[in-house]
Amino acid sequence: MAKIEEKVETLVKNKIEDIGYELYDVLYIKEGPNRILRIIIDSPKGISLDDCEKVNNEIKDIIDEANPIEEQYFLEISSPGIERLLRKDWQLNKFKGEEVNIKLFKKDENGNKEYTGTLVNVTEDILEINEHIQINRKNISQVKTIYK
């Protein structure tokens, strides 16, 4: 699925930026029986329903013409929300100094499957929180910001 996400990101990134938004992420996921292509956009002023509609109208033909997905799917344009999923290095670096929740695929050597703390360092292999807890990125299933 990552290849589909990368193809779609390449297809729509410039158009989304040209009309004044940031392409935050592209997810191609299965929810119940449905496949969903979720394009997540952002803006310093936030994202409204009108913004989502505007982006949808600008990119749907680009995606349809390129046809990167052979199966039936739903196109969904959304905001990243208050608690944001952090999947890419630039997102992790942008939220250094913020409180995050980190979920692991399985319990680590300390018996933990989840950590919460301030994100202080991001490397290719490690996420560090609270200036002393280092978590191998291979073990991480999800990182999200925490809204307070």
Protein backbone atom coordinates (compact mmCIF):
# COMPACT_ATOMS: atom_id res chain seq x y z
CA MET A 1 0.00 0.00 0.00
CA ALA A 2 2.91 2.35 0.60
CA LYS A 3 3.61 2.45 -3.14
CA ILE A 4 0.05 3.60 -3.85
CA GLU A 5 0.39 6.28 -1.18
CA GLU A 6 3.70 7.45 -2.68
CA LYS A 7 2.26 7.54 -6.22
CA VAL A 8 -0.77 9.54 -5.12
CA GLU A 9 1.40 11.92 -3.09
CA THR A 10 3.55 12.58 -6.16
CA LEU A 11 0.44 13.14 -8.29
CA VAL A 12 -1.33 15.66 -6.04
CA LYS A 13 1.34 17.38 -3.91
CA ASN A 14 2.09 20.29 -6.28
CA LYS A 15 -1.59 20.96 -7.02
CA ILE A 16 -2.47 21.01 -3.33
CA GLU A 17 0.41 23.38 -2.58
CA ASP A 18 -0.47 25.57 -5.59
CA ILE A 19 -3.93 26.24 -4.14
CA GLY A 20 -2.50 27.15 -0.72
CA TYR A 21 -2.53 24.00 1.38
CA GLU A 22 0.05 21.61 2.80
CA LEU A 23 -0.17 17.92 1.91
CA TYR A 24 0.19 16.42 5.38
CA ASP A 25 -0.20 12.74 4.49
CA VAL A 26 -1.72 10.18 2.15
CA LEU A 27 -3.22 6.98 3.53
CA TYR A 28 -4.63 4.07 1.56
CA ILE A 29 -6.46 1.95 4.11
CA LYS A 30 -9.16 -0.64 4.52
CA GLU A 31 -12.04 0.20 6.85
CA GLY A 32 -14.56 -2.61 7.08
CA PRO A 33 -15.28 -3.78 3.55
CA ASN A 34 -14.21 -0.46 2.01
CA ARG A 35 -10.91 0.85 0.68
CA ILE A 36 -10.30 4.51 1.41
CA LEU A 37 -7.78 6.86 -0.14
CA ARG A 38 -7.43 9.54 2.54
CA ILE A 39 -5.66 12.74 1.53
CA ILE A 40 -4.82 14.76 4.65
CA ILE A 41 -4.29 18.47 4.16
CA ASP A 42 -3.27 21.26 6.51
CA SER A 43 -3.06 25.03 6.64
CA PRO A 44 -1.90 27.56 9.25
CA LYS A 45 -5.52 28.76 9.56
CA GLY A 46 -6.87 25.21 9.98
CA ILE A 47 -9.01 23.16 7.64
CA SER A 48 -12.74 23.58 7.06
CA LEU A 49 -15.23 21.49 5.10
CA ASP A 50 -15.01 24.08 2.31
CA ASP A 51 -11.24 23.56 2.16
CA CYS A 52 -11.71 19.80 1.84
CA GLU A 53 -14.27 20.28 -0.92
CA LYS A 54 -11.99 22.70 -2.77
CA VAL A 55 -9.06 20.27 -2.67
CA ASN A 56 -11.30 17.37 -3.68
CA ASN A 57 -12.51 19.28 -6.74
CA GLU A 58 -8.94 20.15 -7.73
CA ILE A 59 -7.39 16.69 -7.41
CA LYS A 60 -10.07 14.09 -8.19
CA ASP A 61 -9.57 14.31 -11.96
CA ILE A 62 -5.78 14.10 -11.57
CA ILE A 63 -6.14 10.87 -9.59
CA ASP A 64 -8.80 9.45 -11.93
CA GLU A 65 -6.68 10.17 -15.00
CA ALA A 66 -3.54 8.56 -13.54
CA ASN A 67 -5.59 5.62 -12.16
CA PRO A 68 -3.03 4.51 -9.53
CA ILE A 69 -5.56 2.23 -7.80
CA GLU A 70 -7.15 -0.62 -9.71
CA GLU A 71 -9.79 -1.57 -7.14
CA GLN A 72 -12.82 0.46 -6.09
CA TYR A 73 -12.14 3.00 -3.34
CA PHE A 74 -13.56 6.11 -1.71
CA LEU A 75 -11.62 9.40 -1.92
CA GLU A 76 -11.66 11.29 1.36
CA ILE A 77 -10.08 14.67 2.03
CA SER A 78 -9.57 15.54 5.70
CA SER A 79 -7.58 17.56 8.20
CA PRO A 80 -4.91 15.96 10.37
CA GLY A 81 -7.05 16.63 13.44
CA ILE A 82 -6.00 17.84 16.86
CA GLU A 83 -4.14 14.65 17.75
CA ARG A 84 -2.00 14.05 14.71
CA LEU A 85 -0.55 10.83 13.44
CA LEU A 86 3.20 11.26 12.93
CA ARG A 87 4.44 8.85 10.25
CA LYS A 88 7.17 10.77 8.45
CA ASP A 89 10.47 12.22 9.59
CA TRP A 90 9.46 15.81 8.76
CA GLN A 91 6.31 15.39 10.88
CA LEU A 92 8.27 13.97 13.81
CA ASN A 93 10.82 16.78 13.59
CA LYS A 94 8.06 19.41 13.37
CA PHE A 95 6.60 18.18 16.66
CA LYS A 96 9.85 17.92 18.66
CA GLY A 97 9.20 19.39 22.09
CA GLU A 98 5.56 18.27 22.01
CA GLU A 99 3.97 15.49 24.03
CA VAL A 100 3.41 12.29 22.05
CA ASN A 101 1.97 8.84 22.58
CA ILE A 102 4.01 5.98 21.14
CA LYS A 103 2.50 2.53 20.66
CA LEU A 104 4.68 -0.51 20.04
CA PHE A 105 3.90 -3.63 18.02
CA LYS A 106 4.60 -5.77 21.10
CA LYS A 107 5.84 -5.33 24.65
CA ASP A 108 9.48 -4.29 24.89
CA GLU A 109 12.15 -5.60 27.27
CA ASN A 110 10.67 -3.41 30.03
CA GLY A 111 7.21 -4.92 29.55
CA ASN A 112 5.80 -1.72 28.02
CA LYS A 113 3.66 -1.58 24.91
CA GLU A 114 3.06 2.17 25.09
CA TYR A 115 4.98 5.32 26.06
CA THR A 116 3.91 8.91 26.58
CA GLY A 117 6.35 11.79 26.84
CA THR A 118 7.96 14.80 25.26
CA LEU A 119 9.57 14.05 21.90
CA VAL A 120 13.14 15.31 22.20
CA ASN A 121 15.11 13.59 19.44
CA VAL A 122 14.47 11.87 16.12
CA THR A 123 17.05 9.78 14.28
CA GLU A 124 16.78 7.24 11.50
CA ASP A 125 16.63 4.41 14.05
CA ILE A 126 15.50 5.93 17.37
CA LEU A 127 12.82 8.18 18.84
CA GLU A 128 13.80 9.68 22.17
CA ILE A 129 11.28 10.98 24.69
CA ASN A 130 11.81 12.69 28.05
CA GLU A 131 15.56 12.97 27.33
CA HIS A 132 16.34 9.42 28.35
CA ILE A 133 13.88 6.91 26.90
CA GLN A 134 15.07 5.68 23.53
CA ILE A 135 12.70 3.59 21.41
CA ASN A 136 13.78 1.68 18.34
CA ARG A 137 11.66 2.86 15.41
CA LYS A 138 11.34 -0.69 14.07
CA ASN A 139 9.27 -1.53 17.16
CA ILE A 140 6.89 1.44 16.81
CA SER A 141 3.43 0.88 15.36
CA GLN A 142 2.10 4.41 15.87
CA VAL A 143 3.11 7.87 17.08
CA LYS A 144 0.47 10.54 17.78
CA THR A 145 0.51 13.99 19.27
CA ILE A 146 -1.49 14.49 22.47
CA TYR A 147 -3.96 17.33 22.79
CA LYS A 148 -4.32 18.90 26.22
